[in-house]
Amino acid sequence: MLKRLALGIVVLILFVGLVFIGLNILDINEDYRIYLPIAVLNTVFISAIAILVASIAAANYIANGKFELLGLGCGVLAFGVSSLLKGWLIDRDMYLLITVHDYSALIAAAMHLVGAALCMVSTRLVAFRLGQKQRTLLLFLCYLGALASIALIILLAVQDVIPLLGVSPGMAILRDVIRGITTVLFIACSLIYIRINSQSHVDFYYWYSLGLMLFAFGVIFISQGAVESLIAWWGRAAQYIGGLFFVYATVGAGRLVHANRKELPLKP
């Protein structure tokens, strides 16, 4: 019942989001704005949730060594920190904040996808099974790498090594391309876990895949309107709910070690 409700929420978010996009195309209600504290809400529902999920995922990864948990932890950590910086960095150019956030979101999506790829490969190769000390070290290095990648993006953006997104028509196109790639990566990762869930019937993969799909919807919808527009808020709502799905997935992730996955050889 709960799974069907969650799936219904995902479908509803997609449908309403597409309606909002259609209204924007037709110039209907395009001037309507919702003025709420975006930084505060993002801190609570994205950054704080990300820290919680990353912590639980880390503990579960050390316990059972599932690479999907490592990818989840790294991905939410990168996205959560970038969202926090975008909301609270002061005295900075708006385009710098957008650049840092969008590149970080791309990295976060890539980390989720790497975790999904390792999940599939590790079911076939015994060499991927690490000891607990090795897992702890790998976890530390991966989380540190996620934070270091954001720091590097900030440094490169401040030094004008990478262009600021949106500052000119050409850079606006690049921004849209980056957001498009981010969306594709989130969706691809979600589809991988949907496939794994269809073969393993482990709840973790179901909730993780829905959360990833909602984050993909969020990236699409937020990019379609002004900061306070209906479509942008709908995109944020999608990501807030996606974060809650991540929490639900990680809380039950301890059962992964007992799940009857039979070291799935995934069907081609």
Foldseek 3Di string as FASTA:
>chain_A
DVLVVLVVVLVVLVVVLVVVLVCVVVVHCQVDFDDDLQLVVLLVLQQVLLVVLLVLLLVLCLVQVQLLSLLSNLLSNLQNVLSNCLRPVPPDDNLLSLQLNLVSLLVSLVSNLVSLVCNQVCLPDVVSDDHSVVSNVVSVVSNVVSVVVSVVSSVCVVVVVDPRAPPDPVSVVVSVVSLVSSLVSLLVSLVSLVLLCVQQVDVLSSLLSSLSNLQSCLSVQLSSGDCRGPSNVSSVVSNSVSSVSSVVSSVPSSCVNVGPSVSDNRDD
